[in-house]
PDB file of N, CA and C in Angstrom:
ATOM      1  N   MET A   1       0.812  -1.138  -0.017  1.00  0.00           N
ATOM      2  CA  MET A   1       0.008  -0.031   0.036  1.00  0.00           C
ATOM      3  C   MET A   1       0.838   1.253   0.056  1.00  0.00           C
ATOM      4  N   TRP A   2       1.957   1.182   0.725  1.00  0.00           N
ATOM      5  CA  TRP A   2       2.851   2.437   0.919  1.00  0.00           C
ATOM      6  C   TRP A   2       3.358   2.652  -0.533  1.00  0.00           C
ATOM      7  N   LEU A   3       3.803   1.645  -1.289  1.00  0.00           N
ATOM      8  CA  LEU A   3       4.357   1.907  -2.636  1.00  0.00           C
ATOM      9  C   LEU A   3       3.379   2.494  -3.510  1.00  0.00           C
ATOM     10  N   LEU A   4       2.095   1.954  -3.502  1.00  0.00           N
ATOM     11  CA  LEU A   4       1.177   2.593  -4.383  1.00  0.00           C
ATOM     12  C   LEU A   4       0.817   4.058  -3.971  1.00  0.00           C
ATOM     13  N   TYR A   5       0.569   4.307  -2.738  1.00  0.00           N
ATOM     14  CA  TYR A   5       0.448   5.618  -2.246  1.00  0.00           C
ATOM     15  C   TYR A   5       1.505   6.625  -2.694  1.00  0.00           C
ATOM     16  N   HIS A   6       2.692   6.151  -2.662  1.00  0.00           N
ATOM     17  CA  HIS A   6       3.844   7.072  -3.082  1.00  0.00           C
ATOM     18  C   HIS A   6       4.340   6.942  -4.473  1.00  0.00           C
ATOM     19  N   HIS A   7       3.452   6.205  -5.240  1.00  0.00           N
ATOM     20  CA  HIS A   7       3.794   6.104  -6.707  1.00  0.00           C
ATOM     21  C   HIS A   7       5.145   5.426  -6.824  1.00  0.00           C
ATOM     22  N   ARG A   8       5.523   4.456  -6.048  1.00  0.00           N
ATOM     23  CA  ARG A   8       6.798   3.843  -6.092  1.00  0.00           C
ATOM     24  C   ARG A   8       6.732   2.311  -6.573  1.00  0.00           C
ATOM     25  N   LEU A   9       5.658   1.958  -7.132  1.00  0.00           N
ATOM     26  CA  LEU A   9       5.577   0.550  -7.606  1.00  0.00           C
ATOM     27  C   LEU A   9       6.389   0.332  -8.945  1.00  0.00           C
ATOM     28  N   PRO A  10       7.074  -0.694  -8.975  1.00  0.00           N
ATOM     29  CA  PRO A  10       7.891  -0.927 -10.221  1.00  0.00           C
ATOM     30  C   PRO A  10       7.140  -1.328 -11.466  1.00  0.00           C
ATOM     31  N   THR A  11       6.164  -0.449 -11.920  1.00  0.00           N
ATOM     32  CA  THR A  11       5.387  -0.823 -13.061  1.00  0.00           C
ATOM     33  C   THR A  11       6.307  -0.636 -14.294  1.00  0.00           C
ATOM     34  N   ASN A  12       5.835  -1.188 -15.427  1.00  0.00           N
ATOM     35  CA  ASN A  12       6.601  -1.031 -16.712  1.00  0.00           C
ATOM     36  C   ASN A  12       6.821   0.502 -16.927  1.00  0.00           C
ATOM     37  N   GLN A  13       5.758   1.248 -16.734  1.00  0.00           N
ATOM     38  CA  GLN A  13       5.834   2.683 -17.064  1.00  0.00           C
ATOM     39  C   GLN A  13       7.011   3.342 -16.091  1.00  0.00           C
ATOM     40  N   SER A  14       6.973   2.989 -14.860  1.00  0.00           N
ATOM     41  CA  SER A  14       7.916   3.723 -13.951  1.00  0.00           C
ATOM     42  C   SER A  14       9.347   3.190 -14.228  1.00  0.00           C
ATOM     43  N   LEU A  15       9.520   1.993 -14.653  1.00  0.00           N
ATOM     44  CA  LEU A  15      10.859   1.417 -15.036  1.00  0.00           C
ATOM     45  C   LEU A  15      11.262   2.176 -16.292  1.00  0.00           C
ATOM     46  N   LYS A  16      10.444   2.313 -17.110  1.00  0.00           N
ATOM     47  CA  LYS A  16      10.713   3.107 -18.427  1.00  0.00           C
ATOM     48  C   LYS A  16      11.288   4.478 -18.201  1.00  0.00           C
ATOM     49  N   GLU A  17      10.560   5.170 -17.232  1.00  0.00           N
ATOM     50  CA  GLU A  17      10.985   6.426 -16.878  1.00  0.00           C
ATOM     51  C   GLU A  17      12.268   6.681 -16.056  1.00  0.00           C
ATOM     52  N   LYS A  18      12.679   5.432 -15.593  1.00  0.00           N
ATOM     53  CA  LYS A  18      13.992   5.484 -14.922  1.00  0.00           C
ATOM     54  C   LYS A  18      15.083   4.961 -15.837  1.00  0.00           C
ATOM     55  N   GLY A  19      14.739   4.759 -17.181  1.00  0.00           N
ATOM     56  CA  GLY A  19      15.704   4.489 -18.140  1.00  0.00           C
ATOM     57  C   GLY A  19      15.978   3.035 -18.373  1.00  0.00           C
ATOM     58  N   ILE A  20      15.073   2.204 -17.776  1.00  0.00           N
ATOM     59  CA  ILE A  20      15.194   0.744 -18.011  1.00  0.00           C
ATOM     60  C   ILE A  20      14.409   0.348 -19.165  1.00  0.00           C
ATOM     61  N   SER A  21      15.136  -0.472 -20.121  1.00  0.00           N
ATOM     62  CA  SER A  21      14.339  -0.897 -21.342  1.00  0.00           C
ATOM     63  C   SER A  21      13.414  -2.008 -20.953  1.00  0.00           C
ATOM     64  N   VAL A  22      12.206  -1.624 -21.031  1.00  0.00           N
ATOM     65  CA  VAL A  22      11.112  -2.668 -20.859  1.00  0.00           C
ATOM     66  C   VAL A  22       9.965  -2.454 -21.920  1.00  0.00           C
ATOM     67  N   ASN A  23       9.212  -3.445 -22.017  1.00  0.00           N
ATOM     68  CA  ASN A  23       7.939  -3.416 -22.797  1.00  0.00           C
ATOM     69  C   ASN A  23       6.890  -2.716 -21.929  1.00  0.00           C
ATOM     70  N   LEU A  24       6.299  -1.642 -22.488  1.00  0.00           N
ATOM     71  CA  LEU A  24       5.299  -0.942 -21.705  1.00  0.00           C
ATOM     72  C   LEU A  24       4.025  -1.585 -21.391  1.00  0.00           C
ATOM     73  N   LYS A  25       3.716  -2.628 -22.334  1.00  0.00           N
ATOM     74  CA  LYS A  25       2.397  -3.204 -22.266  1.00  0.00           C
ATOM     75  C   LYS A  25       2.144  -3.963 -21.027  1.00  0.00           C
ATOM     76  N   CYS A  26       0.867  -3.950 -20.468  1.00  0.00           N
ATOM     77  CA  CYS A  26       0.465  -4.794 -19.403  1.00  0.00           C
ATOM     78  C   CYS A  26       0.640  -6.398 -19.749  1.00  0.00           C
ATOM     79  N   GLN A  27       1.240  -6.991 -18.879  1.00  0.00           N
ATOM     80  CA  GLN A  27       1.486  -8.462 -19.242  1.00  0.00           C
ATOM     81  C   GLN A  27       0.306  -9.287 -19.144  1.00  0.00           C
ATOM     82  N   TYR A  28      -0.808  -8.730 -18.597  1.00  0.00           N
ATOM     83  CA  TYR A  28      -2.005  -9.443 -18.375  1.00  0.00           C
ATOM     84  C   TYR A  28      -3.090  -9.341 -19.447  1.00  0.00           C
ATOM     85  N   CYS A  29      -3.189  -8.058 -19.959  1.00  0.00           N
ATOM     86  CA  CYS A  29      -4.157  -7.714 -20.984  1.00  0.00           C
ATOM     87  C   CYS A  29      -3.637  -6.989 -22.266  1.00  0.00           C
ATOM     88  N   ASP A  30      -2.254  -6.864 -22.353  1.00  0.00           N
ATOM     89  CA  ASP A  30      -1.761  -6.093 -23.410  1.00  0.00           C
ATOM     90  C   ASP A  30      -2.088  -4.660 -23.559  1.00  0.00           C
ATOM     91  N   TYR A  31      -2.651  -4.018 -22.566  1.00  0.00           N
ATOM     92  CA  TYR A  31      -2.955  -2.547 -22.547  1.00  0.00           C
ATOM     93  C   TYR A  31      -1.614  -1.883 -22.799  1.00  0.00           C
ATOM     94  N   PRO A  32      -1.592  -0.905 -23.661  1.00  0.00           N
ATOM     95  CA  PRO A  32      -0.290  -0.278 -24.047  1.00  0.00           C
ATOM     96  C   PRO A  32       0.567   0.381 -23.003  1.00  0.00           C
ATOM     97  N   LYS A  33       0.021   0.705 -21.816  1.00  0.00           N
ATOM     98  CA  LYS A  33       0.768   1.386 -20.843  1.00  0.00           C
ATOM     99  C   LYS A  33       0.413   0.794 -19.386  1.00  0.00           C
ATOM    100  N   GLU A  34       1.409   0.135 -18.807  1.00  0.00           N
ATOM    101  CA  GLU A  34       1.045  -0.551 -17.577  1.00  0.00           C
ATOM    102  C   GLU A  34       1.610   0.436 -16.477  1.00  0.00           C
ATOM    103  N   ASP A  35       0.719   1.124 -15.754  1.00  0.00           N
ATOM    104  CA  ASP A  35       1.106   2.010 -14.663  1.00  0.00           C
ATOM    105  C   ASP A  35       0.278   1.463 -13.457  1.00  0.00           C
ATOM    106  N   SER A  36       0.501   2.089 -12.252  1.00  0.00           N
ATOM    107  CA  SER A  36      -0.138   1.614 -11.074  1.00  0.00           C
ATOM    108  C   SER A  36      -1.684   1.674 -11.192  1.00  0.00           C
ATOM    109  N   SER A  37      -2.170   2.747 -11.669  1.00  0.00           N
ATOM    110  CA  SER A  37      -3.611   2.972 -11.828  1.00  0.00           C
ATOM    111  C   SER A  37      -4.156   1.902 -12.791  1.00  0.00           C
ATOM    112  N   HIS A  38      -3.521   1.492 -13.838  1.00  0.00           N
ATOM    113  CA  HIS A  38      -4.026   0.444 -14.578  1.00  0.00           C
ATOM    114  C   HIS A  38      -3.969  -0.946 -13.954  1.00  0.00           C
ATOM    115  N   ILE A  39      -2.820  -1.266 -13.206  1.00  0.00           N
ATOM    116  CA  ILE A  39      -2.736  -2.496 -12.604  1.00  0.00           C
ATOM    117  C   ILE A  39      -3.794  -2.786 -11.606  1.00  0.00           C
ATOM    118  N   PHE A  40      -4.092  -1.630 -10.758  1.00  0.00           N
ATOM    119  CA  PHE A  40      -5.054  -1.881  -9.675  1.00  0.00           C
ATOM    120  C   PHE A  40      -6.376  -1.526 -10.008  1.00  0.00           C
ATOM    121  N   PHE A  41      -6.689  -0.706 -10.991  1.00  0.00           N
ATOM    122  CA  PHE A  41      -8.076  -0.144 -11.100  1.00  0.00           C
ATOM    123  C   PHE A  41      -8.651  -0.301 -12.580  1.00  0.00           C
ATOM    124  N   GLU A  42      -7.761  -0.561 -13.552  1.00  0.00           N
ATOM    125  CA  GLU A  42      -8.351  -0.545 -14.924  1.00  0.00           C
ATOM    126  C   GLU A  42      -8.240  -1.888 -15.638  1.00  0.00           C
ATOM    127  N   CYS A  43      -7.314  -2.608 -15.299  1.00  0.00           N
ATOM    128  CA  CYS A  43      -7.016  -3.922 -16.074  1.00  0.00           C
ATOM    129  C   CYS A  43      -8.179  -4.864 -15.710  1.00  0.00           C
ATOM    130  N   GLN A  44      -8.683  -5.533 -16.804  1.00  0.00           N
ATOM    131  CA  GLN A  44      -9.857  -6.402 -16.627  1.00  0.00           C
ATOM    132  C   GLN A  44      -9.386  -7.484 -15.602  1.00  0.00           C
ATOM    133  N   ASN A  45      -8.268  -7.908 -15.488  1.00  0.00           N
ATOM    134  CA  ASN A  45      -7.976  -8.915 -14.355  1.00  0.00           C
ATOM    135  C   ASN A  45      -8.110  -8.391 -13.086  1.00  0.00           C
ATOM    136  N   SER A  46      -7.720  -7.132 -12.815  1.00  0.00           N
ATOM    137  CA  SER A  46      -7.921  -6.412 -11.637  1.00  0.00           C
ATOM    138  C   SER A  46      -9.365  -6.281 -11.305  1.00  0.00           C
ATOM    139  N   LEU A  47     -10.146  -5.810 -12.289  1.00  0.00           N
ATOM    140  CA  LEU A  47     -11.574  -5.637 -12.027  1.00  0.00           C
ATOM    141  C   LEU A  47     -12.198  -6.887 -11.601  1.00  0.00           C
ATOM    142  N   ASN A  48     -11.863  -8.084 -12.287  1.00  0.00           N
ATOM    143  CA  ASN A  48     -12.468  -9.323 -11.892  1.00  0.00           C
ATOM    144  C   ASN A  48     -11.995  -9.634 -10.495  1.00  0.00           C
ATOM    145  N   PHE A  49     -10.740  -9.337 -10.024  1.00  0.00           N
ATOM    146  CA  PHE A  49     -10.336  -9.601  -8.713  1.00  0.00           C
ATOM    147  C   PHE A  49     -11.196  -8.788  -7.713  1.00  0.00           C
ATOM    148  N   TRP A  50     -11.139  -7.536  -7.899  1.00  0.00           N
ATOM    149  CA  TRP A  50     -12.035  -6.532  -6.931  1.00  0.00           C
ATOM    150  C   TRP A  50     -13.498  -7.139  -6.980  1.00  0.00           C
ATOM    151  N   ASN A  51     -14.115  -7.500  -8.106  1.00  0.00           N
ATOM    152  CA  ASN A  51     -15.486  -7.892  -8.122  1.00  0.00           C
ATOM    153  C   ASN A  51     -15.659  -9.253  -7.227  1.00  0.00           C
ATOM    154  N   SER A  52     -14.646 -10.132  -7.346  1.00  0.00           N
ATOM    155  CA  SER A  52     -14.668 -11.344  -6.624  1.00  0.00           C
ATOM    156  C   SER A  52     -14.660 -11.027  -5.117  1.00  0.00           C
ATOM    157  N   ILE A  53     -13.774 -10.260  -4.733  1.00  0.00           N
ATOM    158  CA  ILE A  53     -13.661  -9.781  -3.311  1.00  0.00           C
ATOM    159  C   ILE A  53     -15.122  -9.218  -2.815  1.00  0.00           C
ATOM    160  N   GLN A  54     -15.639  -8.281  -3.715  1.00  0.00           N
ATOM    161  CA  GLN A  54     -16.850  -7.710  -3.427  1.00  0.00           C
ATOM    162  C   GLN A  54     -17.934  -8.733  -3.281  1.00  0.00           C
ATOM    163  N   SER A  55     -18.015  -9.732  -4.105  1.00  0.00           N
ATOM    164  CA  SER A  55     -19.020 -10.765  -4.007  1.00  0.00           C
ATOM    165  C   SER A  55     -18.941 -11.617  -2.703  1.00  0.00           C
ATOM    166  N   LYS A  56     -17.753 -11.547  -2.144  1.00  0.00           N
ATOM    167  CA  LYS A  56     -17.635 -12.337  -0.940  1.00  0.00           C
ATOM    168  C   LYS A  56     -17.897 -11.487   0.349  1.00  0.00           C
ATOM    169  N   SER A  57     -18.037 -10.084   0.080  1.00  0.00           N
ATOM    170  CA  SER A  57     -18.268  -9.278   1.227  1.00  0.00           C
ATOM    171  C   SER A  57     -19.754  -8.977   1.301  1.00  0.00           C
ATOM    172  N   ASP A  58     -20.169  -8.317   2.381  1.00  0.00           N
ATOM    173  CA  ASP A  58     -21.608  -8.056   2.505  1.00  0.00           C
ATOM    174  C   ASP A  58     -21.796  -6.440   2.311  1.00  0.00           C
ATOM    175  N   ASN A  59     -21.876  -6.108   1.125  1.00  0.00           N
ATOM    176  CA  ASN A  59     -21.987  -4.684   0.713  1.00  0.00           C
ATOM    177  C   ASN A  59     -23.151  -4.547  -0.343  1.00  0.00           C
ATOM    178  N   GLN A  60     -24.148  -5.167  -0.102  1.00  0.00           N
ATOM    179  CA  GLN A  60     -25.526  -5.078  -0.795  1.00  0.00           C
ATOM    180  C   GLN A  60     -25.294  -5.028  -2.326  1.00  0.00           C
ATOM    181  N   GLY A  61     -24.257  -5.802  -2.822  1.00  0.00           N
ATOM    182  CA  GLY A  61     -24.235  -5.983  -4.252  1.00  0.00           C
ATOM    183  C   GLY A  61     -23.675  -4.973  -5.131  1.00  0.00           C
ATOM    184  N   ALA A  62     -23.200  -3.909  -4.450  1.00  0.00           N
ATOM    185  CA  ALA A  62     -22.463  -2.913  -5.318  1.00  0.00           C
ATOM    186  C   ALA A  62     -21.144  -3.305  -5.757  1.00  0.00           C
ATOM    187  N   THR A  63     -20.697  -3.001  -6.868  1.00  0.00           N
ATOM    188  CA  THR A  63     -19.460  -3.393  -7.366  1.00  0.00           C
ATOM    189  C   THR A  63     -18.370  -2.473  -7.097  1.00  0.00           C
ATOM    190  N   ILE A  64     -17.198  -2.981  -6.559  1.00  0.00           N
ATOM    191  CA  ILE A  64     -16.158  -2.147  -6.298  1.00  0.00           C
ATOM    192  C   ILE A  64     -15.579  -1.474  -7.675  1.00  0.00           C
ATOM    193  N   ALA A  65     -15.448  -2.405  -8.596  1.00  0.00           N
ATOM    194  CA  ALA A  65     -14.812  -1.897  -9.931  1.00  0.00           C
ATOM    195  C   ALA A  65     -15.550  -0.642 -10.477  1.00  0.00           C
ATOM    196  N   GLY A  66     -16.805  -0.592 -10.370  1.00  0.00           N
ATOM    197  CA  GLY A  66     -17.577   0.485 -10.967  1.00  0.00           C
ATOM    198  C   GLY A  66     -17.308   1.918 -10.286  1.00  0.00           C
ATOM    199  N   LYS A  67     -16.774   1.890  -9.007  1.00  0.00           N
ATOM    200  CA  LYS A  67     -16.714   3.061  -8.316  1.00  0.00           C
ATOM    201  C   LYS A  67     -15.335   3.424  -7.798  1.00  0.00           C
ATOM    202  N   ILE A  68     -14.314   2.619  -8.045  1.00  0.00           N
ATOM    203  CA  ILE A  68     -13.060   2.774  -7.407  1.00  0.00           C
ATOM    204  C   ILE A  68     -12.108   3.460  -8.261  1.00  0.00           C
ATOM    205  N   ASN A  69     -11.286   4.261  -7.757  1.00  0.00           N
ATOM    206  CA  ASN A  69     -10.079   4.826  -8.439  1.00  0.00           C
ATOM    207  C   ASN A  69      -8.899   5.013  -7.473  1.00  0.00           C
ATOM    208  N   GLU A  70      -7.828   5.314  -7.925  1.00  0.00           N
ATOM    209  CA  GLU A  70      -6.645   5.370  -7.204  1.00  0.00           C
ATOM    210  C   GLU A  70      -6.747   6.290  -5.856  1.00  0.00           C
ATOM    211  N   SER A  71      -7.264   7.523  -6.065  1.00  0.00           N
ATOM    212  CA  SER A  71      -7.368   8.523  -5.090  1.00  0.00           C
ATOM    213  C   SER A  71      -8.426   8.103  -3.995  1.00  0.00           C
ATOM    214  N   ASN A  72      -9.579   7.670  -4.434  1.00  0.00           N
ATOM    215  CA  ASN A  72     -10.563   7.373  -3.321  1.00  0.00           C
ATOM    216  C   ASN A  72     -10.279   6.074  -2.612  1.00  0.00           C
ATOM    217  N   TRP A  73      -9.488   5.046  -3.283  1.00  0.00           N
ATOM    218  CA  TRP A  73      -9.135   3.834  -2.637  1.00  0.00           C
ATOM    219  C   TRP A  73      -8.176   4.189  -1.597  1.00  0.00           C
ATOM    220  N   ILE A  74      -7.217   5.030  -1.935  1.00  0.00           N
ATOM    221  CA  ILE A  74      -6.242   5.488  -0.812  1.00  0.00           C
ATOM    222  C   ILE A  74      -6.895   6.118   0.297  1.00  0.00           C
ATOM    223  N   ASP A  75      -7.803   7.008   0.028  1.00  0.00           N
ATOM    224  CA  ASP A  75      -8.557   7.675   1.173  1.00  0.00           C
ATOM    225  C   ASP A  75      -9.232   6.565   1.981  1.00  0.00           C
ATOM    226  N   GLU A  76      -9.892   5.692   1.370  1.00  0.00           N
ATOM    227  CA  GLU A  76     -10.548   4.573   2.167  1.00  0.00           C
ATOM    228  C   GLU A  76      -9.602   3.828   2.922  1.00  0.00           C
ATOM    229  N   TRP A  77      -8.467   3.403   2.371  1.00  0.00           N
ATOM    230  CA  TRP A  77      -7.418   2.800   3.157  1.00  0.00           C
ATOM    231  C   TRP A  77      -7.007   3.417   4.362  1.00  0.00           C
ATOM    232  N   HIS A  78      -6.810   4.821   4.259  1.00  0.00           N
ATOM    233  CA  HIS A  78      -6.345   5.624   5.349  1.00  0.00           C
ATOM    234  C   HIS A  78      -7.515   5.597   6.459  1.00  0.00           C
ATOM    235  N   SER A  79      -8.700   5.732   6.088  1.00  0.00           N
ATOM    236  CA  SER A  79      -9.820   5.718   6.962  1.00  0.00           C
ATOM    237  C   SER A  79     -10.007   4.359   7.770  1.00  0.00           C
ATOM    238  N   LEU A  80      -9.763   3.346   6.908  1.00  0.00           N
ATOM    239  CA  LEU A  80      -9.972   1.957   7.530  1.00  0.00           C
ATOM    240  C   LEU A  80      -8.872   1.589   8.455  1.00  0.00           C
ATOM    241  N   LYS A  81      -7.640   1.951   8.159  1.00  0.00           N
ATOM    242  CA  LYS A  81      -6.495   1.679   9.117  1.00  0.00           C
ATOM    243  C   LYS A  81      -6.556   2.221  10.505  1.00  0.00           C
ATOM    244  N   ASN A  82      -7.409   3.230  10.566  1.00  0.00           N
ATOM    245  CA  ASN A  82      -7.676   3.936  11.897  1.00  0.00           C
ATOM    246  C   ASN A  82      -8.905   3.446  12.579  1.00  0.00           C
ATOM    247  N   LYS A  83      -9.564   2.481  12.204  1.00  0.00           N
ATOM    248  CA  LYS A  83     -10.721   1.966  12.816  1.00  0.00           C
ATOM    249  C   LYS A  83     -10.392   0.679  13.649  1.00  0.00           C
ATOM    250  N   ASN A  84     -11.143   0.489  14.674  1.00  0.00           N
ATOM    251  CA  ASN A  84     -10.969  -0.679  15.471  1.00  0.00           C
ATOM    252  C   ASN A  84     -12.064  -1.778  15.035  1.00  0.00           C
ATOM    253  N   PHE A  85     -11.512  -2.855  14.460  1.00  0.00           N
ATOM    254  CA  PHE A  85     -12.475  -3.858  13.986  1.00  0.00           C
ATOM    255  C   PHE A  85     -12.594  -5.015  15.158  1.00  0.00           C
ATOM    256  N   ASN A  86     -13.794  -5.281  15.476  1.00  0.00           N
ATOM    257  CA  ASN A  86     -14.076  -6.328  16.414  1.00  0.00           C
ATOM    258  C   ASN A  86     -14.317  -7.642  15.697  1.00  0.00           C
ATOM    259  N   HIS A  87     -13.541  -8.651  15.801  1.00  0.00           N
ATOM    260  CA  HIS A  87     -13.876  -9.880  15.047  1.00  0.00           C
ATOM    261  C   HIS A  87     -14.538 -10.884  16.167  1.00  0.00           C
TER     262      HIS A  87
END
């Protein structure tokens, strides 16, 4: 989470920006530019993952993939980490 929040994930795009010769395409869906936003929120494989998590949770059927993006996901993460969860 820290790496995502600080834009430090070693995505193909960030490696290219550091001068490393890489193919920019997403290795999962061949999207032309693999960056952290694509990996977590736009790639069809990610959307399938988030939706499978959603289907296992009790959130009245709303899909995560339809309403999530990098900034609101990080905001939610910050608010959740400060909550006390009783299991």
